[in-house]
Amino acid sequence: MTTSEQAVAARGEREVAVEDAAARFAELLAAVEGGERVTITRDGRAVARLVPSREPARTPAEAAEELLEMRAEHRMSREEILEVVQEGRR
């Protein structure tokens, strides 16, 4: 294993040549879905990287429900709202 391959492995990445990546694409996607990162190389140089997609912390419906719950817990009177607005303008 070369020094650059060792560095890639230390970062939790896999390095794959373009030709191999094309032949093993489904396998590489499965690895990425499992949290692994894959660097695709051509002639020993990195040309692309497959990384896991970040999932939203919650769905829009869950976020809306959370906002409604927060609103119910933290009611403000009209006067309190106007006071906060005035403070923001100072």
PDB file of N, CA and C in Angstrom:
ATOM      1  N   MET A   1       0.853  -1.189   0.000  1.00  0.00           N
ATOM      2  CA  MET A   1       0.000   0.000   0.000  1.00  0.00           C
ATOM      3  C   MET A   1       0.891   1.241   0.000  1.00  0.00           C
ATOM      4  N   THR A   2       0.606   2.167  -0.915  1.00  0.00           N
ATOM      5  CA  THR A   2       1.414   3.377  -1.011  1.00  0.00           C
ATOM      6  C   THR A   2       1.069   4.327   0.131  1.00  0.00           C
ATOM      7  N   THR A   3       1.899   5.358   0.289  1.00  0.00           N
ATOM      8  CA  THR A   3       1.663   6.356   1.331  1.00  0.00           C
ATOM      9  C   THR A   3       0.322   7.052   1.126  1.00  0.00           C
ATOM     10  N   SER A   4      -0.004   7.385  -0.123  1.00  0.00           N
ATOM     11  CA  SER A   4      -1.287   8.054  -0.372  1.00  0.00           C
ATOM     12  C   SER A   4      -2.452   7.121  -0.089  1.00  0.00           C
ATOM     13  N   GLU A   5      -2.300   5.825  -0.411  1.00  0.00           N
ATOM     14  CA  GLU A   5      -3.356   4.855  -0.097  1.00  0.00           C
ATOM     15  C   GLU A   5      -3.522   4.708   1.407  1.00  0.00           C
ATOM     16  N   GLN A   6      -2.413   4.750   2.147  1.00  0.00           N
ATOM     17  CA  GLN A   6      -2.487   4.670   3.607  1.00  0.00           C
ATOM     18  C   GLN A   6      -3.214   5.887   4.177  1.00  0.00           C
ATOM     19  N   ALA A   7      -2.947   7.056   3.624  1.00  0.00           N
ATOM     20  CA  ALA A   7      -3.607   8.274   4.084  1.00  0.00           C
ATOM     21  C   ALA A   7      -5.104   8.211   3.827  1.00  0.00           C
ATOM     22  N   VAL A   8      -5.476   7.706   2.648  1.00  0.00           N
ATOM     23  CA  VAL A   8      -6.893   7.570   2.312  1.00  0.00           C
ATOM     24  C   VAL A   8      -7.553   6.587   3.260  1.00  0.00           C
ATOM     25  N   ALA A   9      -6.907   5.457   3.508  1.00  0.00           N
ATOM     26  CA  ALA A   9      -7.465   4.447   4.413  1.00  0.00           C
ATOM     27  C   ALA A   9      -7.594   4.992   5.831  1.00  0.00           C
ATOM     28  N   ALA A  10      -6.632   5.788   6.262  1.00  0.00           N
ATOM     29  CA  ALA A  10      -6.680   6.364   7.611  1.00  0.00           C
ATOM     30  C   ALA A  10      -7.870   7.300   7.778  1.00  0.00           C
ATOM     31  N   ARG A  11      -8.312   7.932   6.692  1.00  0.00           N
ATOM     32  CA  ARG A  11      -9.469   8.830   6.752  1.00  0.00           C
ATOM     33  C   ARG A  11     -10.782   8.064   6.636  1.00  0.00           C
ATOM     34  N   GLY A  12     -10.716   6.747   6.547  1.00  0.00           N
ATOM     35  CA  GLY A  12     -11.934   5.961   6.412  1.00  0.00           C
ATOM     36  C   GLY A  12     -12.484   5.990   5.000  1.00  0.00           C
ATOM     37  N   GLU A  13     -11.610   6.182   4.029  1.00  0.00           N
ATOM     38  CA  GLU A  13     -12.020   6.240   2.633  1.00  0.00           C
ATOM     39  C   GLU A  13     -11.456   5.041   1.880  1.00  0.00           C
ATOM     40  N   ARG A  14     -12.105   4.759   0.792  1.00  0.00           N
ATOM     41  CA  ARG A  14     -11.637   3.723  -0.113  1.00  0.00           C
ATOM     42  C   ARG A  14     -11.251   4.414  -1.407  1.00  0.00           C
ATOM     43  N   GLU A  15     -10.146   4.011  -2.017  1.00  0.00           N
ATOM     44  CA  GLU A  15      -9.702   4.591  -3.278  1.00  0.00           C
ATOM     45  C   GLU A  15      -9.889   3.551  -4.375  1.00  0.00           C
ATOM     46  N   VAL A  16     -10.577   3.949  -5.459  1.00  0.00           N
ATOM     47  CA  VAL A  16     -10.904   3.014  -6.524  1.00  0.00           C
ATOM     48  C   VAL A  16     -10.626   3.684  -7.873  1.00  0.00           C
ATOM     49  N   ALA A  17      -9.995   2.939  -8.799  1.00  0.00           N
ATOM     50  CA  ALA A  17      -9.742   3.449 -10.146  1.00  0.00           C
ATOM     51  C   ALA A  17     -11.065   3.568 -10.907  1.00  0.00           C
ATOM     52  N   VAL A  18     -11.126   4.502 -11.847  1.00  0.00           N
ATOM     53  CA  VAL A  18     -12.339   4.759 -12.629  1.00  0.00           C
ATOM     54  C   VAL A  18     -12.893   3.469 -13.234  1.00  0.00           C
ATOM     55  N   GLU A  19     -12.021   2.678 -13.838  1.00  0.00           N
ATOM     56  CA  GLU A  19     -12.458   1.444 -14.490  1.00  0.00           C
ATOM     57  C   GLU A  19     -13.125   0.500 -13.499  1.00  0.00           C
ATOM     58  N   ASP A  20     -12.520   0.354 -12.303  1.00  0.00           N
ATOM     59  CA  ASP A  20     -13.094  -0.514 -11.275  1.00  0.00           C
ATOM     60  C   ASP A  20     -14.395   0.068 -10.728  1.00  0.00           C
ATOM     61  N   ALA A  21     -14.443   1.379 -10.578  1.00  0.00           N
ATOM     62  CA  ALA A  21     -15.648   2.025 -10.047  1.00  0.00           C
ATOM     63  C   ALA A  21     -16.834   1.780 -10.968  1.00  0.00           C
ATOM     64  N   ALA A  22     -16.602   1.860 -12.271  1.00  0.00           N
ATOM     65  CA  ALA A  22     -17.691   1.629 -13.223  1.00  0.00           C
ATOM     66  C   ALA A  22     -18.222   0.204 -13.107  1.00  0.00           C
ATOM     67  N   ALA A  23     -17.317  -0.748 -12.938  1.00  0.00           N
ATOM     68  CA  ALA A  23     -17.718  -2.151 -12.861  1.00  0.00           C
ATOM     69  C   ALA A  23     -18.360  -2.498 -11.516  1.00  0.00           C
ATOM     70  N   ARG A  24     -18.033  -1.744 -10.462  1.00  0.00           N
ATOM     71  CA  ARG A  24     -18.496  -2.073  -9.104  1.00  0.00           C
ATOM     72  C   ARG A  24     -19.373  -0.975  -8.503  1.00  0.00           C
ATOM     73  N   PHE A  25     -20.063  -0.215  -9.366  1.00  0.00           N
ATOM     74  CA  PHE A  25     -20.803   0.951  -8.897  1.00  0.00           C
ATOM     75  C   PHE A  25     -21.826   0.599  -7.812  1.00  0.00           C
ATOM     76  N   ALA A  26     -22.607  -0.447  -7.997  1.00  0.00           N
ATOM     77  CA  ALA A  26     -23.627  -0.817  -7.004  1.00  0.00           C
ATOM     78  C   ALA A  26     -22.983  -1.145  -5.657  1.00  0.00           C
ATOM     79  N   GLU A  27     -21.868  -1.849  -5.687  1.00  0.00           N
ATOM     80  CA  GLU A  27     -21.150  -2.190  -4.450  1.00  0.00           C
ATOM     81  C   GLU A  27     -20.638  -0.927  -3.748  1.00  0.00           C
ATOM     82  N   LEU A  28     -20.099   0.007  -4.543  1.00  0.00           N
ATOM     83  CA  LEU A  28     -19.583   1.253  -3.968  1.00  0.00           C
ATOM     84  C   LEU A  28     -20.708   2.092  -3.373  1.00  0.00           C
ATOM     85  N   LEU A  29     -21.858   2.135  -4.047  1.00  0.00           N
ATOM     86  CA  LEU A  29     -23.002   2.873  -3.497  1.00  0.00           C
ATOM     87  C   LEU A  29     -23.457   2.280  -2.170  1.00  0.00           C
ATOM     88  N   ALA A  30     -23.461   0.960  -2.092  1.00  0.00           N
ATOM     89  CA  ALA A  30     -23.837   0.305  -0.834  1.00  0.00           C
ATOM     90  C   ALA A  30     -22.868   0.687   0.283  1.00  0.00           C
ATOM     91  N   ALA A  31     -21.577   0.759  -0.043  1.00  0.00           N
ATOM     92  CA  ALA A  31     -20.576   1.153   0.953  1.00  0.00           C
ATOM     93  C   ALA A  31     -20.809   2.597   1.396  1.00  0.00           C
ATOM     94  N   VAL A  32     -21.132   3.467   0.451  1.00  0.00           N
ATOM     95  CA  VAL A  32     -21.388   4.875   0.768  1.00  0.00           C
ATOM     96  C   VAL A  32     -22.644   5.004   1.620  1.00  0.00           C
ATOM     97  N   GLU A  33     -23.668   4.230   1.305  1.00  0.00           N
ATOM     98  CA  GLU A  33     -24.885   4.236   2.128  1.00  0.00           C
ATOM     99  C   GLU A  33     -24.582   3.808   3.555  1.00  0.00           C
ATOM    100  N   GLY A  34     -23.553   2.984   3.711  1.00  0.00           N
ATOM    101  CA  GLY A  34     -23.133   2.539   5.045  1.00  0.00           C
ATOM    102  C   GLY A  34     -22.226   3.537   5.752  1.00  0.00           C
ATOM    103  N   GLY A  35     -21.983   4.691   5.116  1.00  0.00           N
ATOM    104  CA  GLY A  35     -21.198   5.730   5.761  1.00  0.00           C
ATOM    105  C   GLY A  35     -19.770   5.872   5.255  1.00  0.00           C
ATOM    106  N   GLU A  36     -19.359   4.992   4.372  1.00  0.00           N
ATOM    107  CA  GLU A  36     -17.989   5.034   3.853  1.00  0.00           C
ATOM    108  C   GLU A  36     -17.865   6.108   2.770  1.00  0.00           C
ATOM    109  N   ARG A  37     -16.656   6.622   2.583  1.00  0.00           N
ATOM    110  CA  ARG A  37     -16.362   7.565   1.500  1.00  0.00           C
ATOM    111  C   ARG A  37     -15.488   6.854   0.486  1.00  0.00           C
ATOM    112  N   VAL A  38     -15.736   7.142  -0.787  1.00  0.00           N
ATOM    113  CA  VAL A  38     -14.984   6.489  -1.854  1.00  0.00           C
ATOM    114  C   VAL A  38     -14.372   7.567  -2.750  1.00  0.00           C
ATOM    115  N   THR A  39     -13.061   7.487  -2.949  1.00  0.00           N
ATOM    116  CA  THR A  39     -12.371   8.393  -3.862  1.00  0.00           C
ATOM    117  C   THR A  39     -12.123   7.640  -5.159  1.00  0.00           C
ATOM    118  N   ILE A  40     -12.548   8.234  -6.280  1.00  0.00           N
ATOM    119  CA  ILE A  40     -12.362   7.623  -7.588  1.00  0.00           C
ATOM    120  C   ILE A  40     -11.160   8.299  -8.242  1.00  0.00           C
ATOM    121  N   THR A  41     -10.246   7.478  -8.740  1.00  0.00           N
ATOM    122  CA  THR A  41      -9.000   8.014  -9.301  1.00  0.00           C
ATOM    123  C   THR A  41      -8.858   7.656 -10.773  1.00  0.00           C
ATOM    124  N   ARG A  42      -8.113   8.510 -11.470  1.00  0.00           N
ATOM    125  CA  ARG A  42      -7.722   8.234 -12.857  1.00  0.00           C
ATOM    126  C   ARG A  42      -6.224   8.496 -12.918  1.00  0.00           C
ATOM    127  N   ASP A  43      -5.474   7.497 -13.328  1.00  0.00           N
ATOM    128  CA  ASP A  43      -4.014   7.599 -13.388  1.00  0.00           C
ATOM    129  C   ASP A  43      -3.430   8.027 -12.044  1.00  0.00           C
ATOM    130  N   GLY A  44      -4.015   7.525 -10.952  1.00  0.00           N
ATOM    131  CA  GLY A  44      -3.493   7.802  -9.614  1.00  0.00           C
ATOM    132  C   GLY A  44      -3.910   9.135  -9.017  1.00  0.00           C
ATOM    133  N   ARG A  45      -4.675   9.938  -9.757  1.00  0.00           N
ATOM    134  CA  ARG A  45      -5.122  11.244  -9.245  1.00  0.00           C
ATOM    135  C   ARG A  45      -6.605  11.197  -8.919  1.00  0.00           C
ATOM    136  N   ALA A  46      -6.982  11.774  -7.804  1.00  0.00           N
ATOM    137  CA  ALA A  46      -8.393  11.814  -7.414  1.00  0.00           C
ATOM    138  C   ALA A  46      -9.168  12.679  -8.407  1.00  0.00           C
ATOM    139  N   VAL A  47     -10.276  12.135  -8.926  1.00  0.00           N
ATOM    140  CA  VAL A  47     -11.104  12.892  -9.866  1.00  0.00           C
ATOM    141  C   VAL A  47     -12.535  13.062  -9.363  1.00  0.00           C
ATOM    142  N   ALA A  48     -12.941  12.228  -8.415  1.00  0.00           N
ATOM    143  CA  ALA A  48     -14.300  12.331  -7.874  1.00  0.00           C
ATOM    144  C   ALA A  48     -14.346  11.668  -6.509  1.00  0.00           C
ATOM    145  N   ARG A  49     -15.358  12.029  -5.762  1.00  0.00           N
ATOM    146  CA  ARG A  49     -15.529  11.452  -4.439  1.00  0.00           C
ATOM    147  C   ARG A  49     -17.002  11.131  -4.242  1.00  0.00           C
ATOM    148  N   LEU A  50     -17.288   9.920  -3.780  1.00  0.00           N
ATOM    149  CA  LEU A  50     -18.642   9.530  -3.401  1.00  0.00           C
ATOM    150  C   LEU A  50     -18.728   9.639  -1.884  1.00  0.00           C
ATOM    151  N   VAL A  51     -19.676  10.429  -1.405  1.00  0.00           N
ATOM    152  CA  VAL A  51     -19.828  10.626   0.035  1.00  0.00           C
ATOM    153  C   VAL A  51     -21.288  10.424   0.413  1.00  0.00           C
ATOM    154  N   PRO A  52     -21.560  10.018   1.652  1.00  0.00           N
ATOM    155  CA  PRO A  52     -22.946   9.830   2.071  1.00  0.00           C
ATOM    156  C   PRO A  52     -23.717  11.144   2.006  1.00  0.00           C
ATOM    157  N   SER A  53     -24.958  11.043   1.599  1.00  0.00           N
ATOM    158  CA  SER A  53     -25.839  12.204   1.581  1.00  0.00           C
ATOM    159  C   SER A  53     -26.305  12.479   2.999  1.00  0.00           C
ATOM    160  N   ARG A  54     -26.408  13.750   3.337  1.00  0.00           N
ATOM    161  CA  ARG A  54     -26.885  14.101   4.675  1.00  0.00           C
ATOM    162  C   ARG A  54     -28.403  14.106   4.665  1.00  0.00           C
ATOM    163  N   GLU A  55     -28.972  13.331   5.532  1.00  0.00           N
ATOM    164  CA  GLU A  55     -30.423  13.268   5.663  1.00  0.00           C
ATOM    165  C   GLU A  55     -30.895  14.424   6.526  1.00  0.00           C
ATOM    166  N   PRO A  56     -32.058  14.974   6.232  1.00  0.00           N
ATOM    167  CA  PRO A  56     -32.567  16.037   7.093  1.00  0.00           C
ATOM    168  C   PRO A  56     -32.823  15.490   8.495  1.00  0.00           C
ATOM    169  N   ALA A  57     -32.599  16.337   9.489  1.00  0.00           N
ATOM    170  CA  ALA A  57     -32.790  15.917  10.875  1.00  0.00           C
ATOM    171  C   ALA A  57     -34.238  15.491  11.120  1.00  0.00           C
ATOM    172  N   ARG A  58     -35.162  16.136  10.419  1.00  0.00           N
ATOM    173  CA  ARG A  58     -36.572  15.768  10.549  1.00  0.00           C
ATOM    174  C   ARG A  58     -37.289  16.172   9.261  1.00  0.00           C
ATOM    175  N   THR A  59     -38.439  15.575   9.063  1.00  0.00           N
ATOM    176  CA  THR A  59     -39.219  15.904   7.875  1.00  0.00           C
ATOM    177  C   THR A  59     -39.879  17.264   8.070  1.00  0.00           C
ATOM    178  N   PRO A  60     -40.315  17.902   6.996  1.00  0.00           N
ATOM    179  CA  PRO A  60     -41.019  19.180   7.148  1.00  0.00           C
ATOM    180  C   PRO A  60     -42.255  19.058   8.050  1.00  0.00           C
ATOM    181  N   ALA A  61     -42.974  17.956   7.948  1.00  0.00           N
ATOM    182  CA  ALA A  61     -44.154  17.758   8.796  1.00  0.00           C
ATOM    183  C   ALA A  61     -43.752  17.680  10.270  1.00  0.00           C
ATOM    184  N   GLU A  62     -42.641  16.995  10.557  1.00  0.00           N
ATOM    185  CA  GLU A  62     -42.159  16.909  11.939  1.00  0.00           C
ATOM    186  C   GLU A  62     -41.728  18.277  12.444  1.00  0.00           C
ATOM    187  N   ALA A  63     -41.067  19.063  11.590  1.00  0.00           N
ATOM    188  CA  ALA A  63     -40.641  20.414  11.982  1.00  0.00           C
ATOM    189  C   ALA A  63     -41.854  21.299  12.258  1.00  0.00           C
ATOM    190  N   ALA A  64     -42.884  21.207  11.413  1.00  0.00           N
ATOM    191  CA  ALA A  64     -44.097  21.999  11.625  1.00  0.00           C
ATOM    192  C   ALA A  64     -44.781  21.614  12.930  1.00  0.00           C
ATOM    193  N   GLU A  65     -44.846  20.337  13.216  1.00  0.00           N
ATOM    194  CA  GLU A  65     -45.455  19.874  14.467  1.00  0.00           C
ATOM    195  C   GLU A  65     -44.679  20.396  15.668  1.00  0.00           C
ATOM    196  N   GLU A  66     -43.359  20.368  15.567  1.00  0.00           N
ATOM    197  CA  GLU A  66     -42.514  20.886  16.650  1.00  0.00           C
ATOM    198  C   GLU A  66     -42.761  22.378  16.869  1.00  0.00           C
ATOM    199  N   LEU A  67     -42.897  23.135  15.784  1.00  0.00           N
ATOM    200  CA  LEU A  67     -43.174  24.572  15.906  1.00  0.00           C
ATOM    201  C   LEU A  67     -44.529  24.823  16.567  1.00  0.00           C
ATOM    202  N   LEU A  68     -45.536  24.036  16.188  1.00  0.00           N
ATOM    203  CA  LEU A  68     -46.859  24.198  16.796  1.00  0.00           C
ATOM    204  C   LEU A  68     -46.819  23.893  18.299  1.00  0.00           C
ATOM    205  N   GLU A  69     -46.085  22.864  18.668  1.00  0.00           N
ATOM    206  CA  GLU A  69     -45.948  22.525  20.089  1.00  0.00           C
ATOM    207  C   GLU A  69     -45.237  23.642  20.845  1.00  0.00           C
ATOM    208  N   MET A  70     -44.176  24.181  20.247  1.00  0.00           N
ATOM    209  CA  MET A  70     -43.430  25.260  20.884  1.00  0.00           C
ATOM    210  C   MET A  70     -44.318  26.495  21.046  1.00  0.00           C
ATOM    211  N   ARG A  71     -45.113  26.775  20.027  1.00  0.00           N
ATOM    212  CA  ARG A  71     -46.013  27.929  20.079  1.00  0.00           C
ATOM    213  C   ARG A  71     -47.022  27.770  21.204  1.00  0.00           C
ATOM    214  N   ALA A  72     -47.546  26.569  21.369  1.00  0.00           N
ATOM    215  CA  ALA A  72     -48.535  26.321  22.424  1.00  0.00           C
ATOM    216  C   ALA A  72     -47.917  26.486  23.814  1.00  0.00           C
ATOM    217  N   GLU A  73     -46.651  26.141  23.941  1.00  0.00           N
ATOM    218  CA  GLU A  73     -45.975  26.229  25.236  1.00  0.00           C
ATOM    219  C   GLU A  73     -45.528  27.645  25.572  1.00  0.00           C
ATOM    220  N   HIS A  74     -45.316  28.476  24.579  1.00  0.00           N
ATOM    221  CA  HIS A  74     -44.748  29.811  24.787  1.00  0.00           C
ATOM    222  C   HIS A  74     -45.649  30.896  24.207  1.00  0.00           C
ATOM    223  N   ARG A  75     -46.834  31.014  24.756  1.00  0.00           N
ATOM    224  CA  ARG A  75     -47.778  32.034  24.294  1.00  0.00           C
ATOM    225  C   ARG A  75     -47.349  33.403  24.798  1.00  0.00           C
ATOM    226  N   MET A  76     -47.492  34.409  23.943  1.00  0.00           N
ATOM    227  CA  MET A  76     -47.185  35.786  24.331  1.00  0.00           C
ATOM    228  C   MET A  76     -48.424  36.636  24.064  1.00  0.00           C
ATOM    229  N   SER A  77     -48.655  37.569  24.954  1.00  0.00           N
ATOM    230  CA  SER A  77     -49.774  38.492  24.749  1.00  0.00           C
ATOM    231  C   SER A  77     -49.387  39.513  23.682  1.00  0.00           C
ATOM    232  N   ARG A  78     -50.386  40.226  23.187  1.00  0.00           N
ATOM    233  CA  ARG A  78     -50.139  41.264  22.188  1.00  0.00           C
ATOM    234  C   ARG A  78     -49.163  42.302  22.735  1.00  0.00           C
ATOM    235  N   GLU A  79     -49.345  42.675  23.980  1.00  0.00           N
ATOM    236  CA  GLU A  79     -48.484  43.678  24.610  1.00  0.00           C
ATOM    237  C   GLU A  79     -47.042  43.191  24.705  1.00  0.00           C
ATOM    238  N   GLU A  80     -46.852  41.920  25.045  1.00  0.00           N
ATOM    239  CA  GLU A  80     -45.496  41.368  25.130  1.00  0.00           C
ATOM    240  C   GLU A  80     -44.816  41.364  23.760  1.00  0.00           C
ATOM    241  N   ILE A  81     -45.575  41.028  22.736  1.00  0.00           N
ATOM    242  CA  ILE A  81     -45.019  41.020  21.377  1.00  0.00           C
ATOM    243  C   ILE A  81     -44.604  42.426  20.973  1.00  0.00           C
ATOM    244  N   LEU A  82     -45.462  43.414  21.224  1.00  0.00           N
ATOM    245  CA  LEU A  82     -45.144  44.803  20.882  1.00  0.00           C
ATOM    246  C   LEU A  82     -43.914  45.291  21.646  1.00  0.00           C
ATOM    247  N   GLU A  83     -43.797  44.880  22.904  1.00  0.00           N
ATOM    248  CA  GLU A  83     -42.637  45.267  23.720  1.00  0.00           C
ATOM    249  C   GLU A  83     -41.341  44.693  23.124  1.00  0.00           C
ATOM    250  N   VAL A  84     -41.375  43.445  22.708  1.00  0.00           N
ATOM    251  CA  VAL A  84     -40.204  42.804  22.109  1.00  0.00           C
ATOM    252  C   VAL A  84     -39.841  43.507  20.798  1.00  0.00           C
ATOM    253  N   VAL A  85     -40.837  43.846  20.000  1.00  0.00           N
ATOM    254  CA  VAL A  85     -40.590  44.551  18.739  1.00  0.00           C
ATOM    255  C   VAL A  85     -39.940  45.902  19.009  1.00  0.00           C
ATOM    256  N   GLN A  86     -40.450  46.611  19.990  1.00  0.00           N
ATOM    257  CA  GLN A  86     -39.881  47.922  20.322  1.00  0.00           C
ATOM    258  C   GLN A  86     -38.437  47.790  20.817  1.00  0.00           C
ATOM    259  N   GLU A  87     -38.160  46.777  21.612  1.00  0.00           N
ATOM    260  CA  GLU A  87     -36.790  46.541  22.087  1.00  0.00           C
ATOM    261  C   GLU A  87     -35.857  46.282  20.905  1.00  0.00           C
ATOM    262  N   GLY A  88     -36.343  45.581  19.918  1.00  0.00           N
ATOM    263  CA  GLY A  88     -35.526  45.284  18.737  1.00  0.00           C
ATOM    264  C   GLY A  88     -35.214  46.516  17.900  1.00  0.00           C
ATOM    265  N   ARG A  89     -36.051  47.515  17.999  1.00  0.00           N
ATOM    266  CA  ARG A  89     -35.856  48.741  17.230  1.00  0.00           C
ATOM    267  C   ARG A  89     -34.903  49.711  17.922  1.00  0.00           C
ATOM    268  N   ARG A  90     -34.585  49.485  19.164  1.00  0.00           N
ATOM    269  CA  ARG A  90     -33.707  50.396  19.904  1.00  0.00           C
ATOM    270  C   ARG A  90     -32.270  50.179  19.551  1.00  0.00           C
TER     271      ARG A  90
END
